[in-house]
Amino acid sequence: MRQPEAWPRQYARQITAMRTREERIAALAEVPEHLRELVRTHVEIAWNHPRGNTYGPQTD
């Protein structure tokens, strides 16, 4: 998961593609701390977008 020059949206794209919540939580924990909240926001927006998620709305 660690990429030295990854952008927040790249992290979010990788996290959103993961199948389980546990995988997503673990991957978010590996994101550099100074980017974590921004990446989390990107993931939540993508997850809750009508066309961005086939598993239903995020409830946590």
Protein backbone atom coordinates (compact mmCIF):
# COMPACT_ATOMS: atom_id res chain seq x y z
CA MET A 1 0.00 0.00 0.00
CA ARG A 2 2.82 2.43 0.73
CA GLN A 3 3.83 4.48 -2.25
CA PRO A 4 6.27 7.34 -1.71
CA GLU A 5 4.58 9.78 -4.08
CA ALA A 6 0.95 8.67 -4.00
CA TRP A 7 -1.73 11.35 -4.06
CA PRO A 8 -4.71 11.24 -1.68
CA ARG A 9 -7.10 10.23 -4.46
CA GLN A 10 -4.81 7.38 -5.46
CA TYR A 11 -4.93 6.04 -1.91
CA ALA A 12 -8.71 6.50 -1.87
CA ARG A 13 -9.10 4.66 -5.19
CA GLN A 14 -7.11 1.70 -3.88
CA ILE A 15 -9.02 1.62 -0.60
CA THR A 16 -12.42 1.90 -2.27
CA ALA A 17 -11.60 -1.09 -4.49
CA MET A 18 -11.07 -3.35 -1.47
CA ARG A 19 -13.81 -5.87 -0.76
CA THR A 20 -14.04 -5.92 3.03
CA ARG A 21 -14.37 -3.22 5.64
CA GLU A 22 -11.47 -4.70 7.60
CA GLU A 23 -9.20 -4.39 4.55
CA ARG A 24 -10.26 -0.78 4.06
CA ILE A 25 -9.65 0.11 7.71
CA ALA A 26 -6.20 -1.52 7.65
CA ALA A 27 -5.27 0.26 4.42
CA LEU A 28 -6.42 3.62 5.76
CA ALA A 29 -4.20 3.10 8.80
CA GLU A 30 -1.21 2.76 6.44
CA VAL A 31 -1.86 6.11 4.75
CA PRO A 32 0.56 8.83 5.94
CA GLU A 33 -0.95 10.62 8.92
CA HIS A 34 -0.96 14.06 7.31
CA LEU A 35 -3.12 12.70 4.44
CA ARG A 36 -5.36 10.31 6.37
CA GLU A 37 -8.39 12.57 6.98
CA LEU A 38 -8.40 13.80 3.39
CA VAL A 39 -8.18 10.23 2.08
CA ARG A 40 -10.97 9.16 4.44
CA THR A 41 -13.14 11.98 3.08
CA HIS A 42 -12.42 10.93 -0.52
CA VAL A 43 -13.29 7.31 0.34
CA GLU A 44 -16.56 8.30 2.03
CA ILE A 45 -17.59 10.49 -0.90
CA ALA A 46 -16.82 7.74 -3.41
CA TRP A 47 -18.50 5.08 -1.29
CA ASN A 48 -21.71 7.09 -0.85
CA HIS A 49 -21.92 8.24 -4.47
CA PRO A 50 -24.85 6.54 -6.28
CA ARG A 51 -22.62 5.17 -9.06
CA GLY A 52 -19.46 4.71 -7.02
CA ASN A 53 -20.53 1.81 -4.84
CA THR A 54 -22.22 -1.48 -5.54
CA TYR A 55 -22.29 -2.62 -1.90
CA GLY A 56 -24.72 -0.05 -0.46
CA PRO A 57 -24.16 3.18 1.51
CA GLN A 58 -21.47 3.38 4.16
CA THR A 59 -23.03 3.26 7.62
CA ASP A 60 -20.07 3.77 9.95
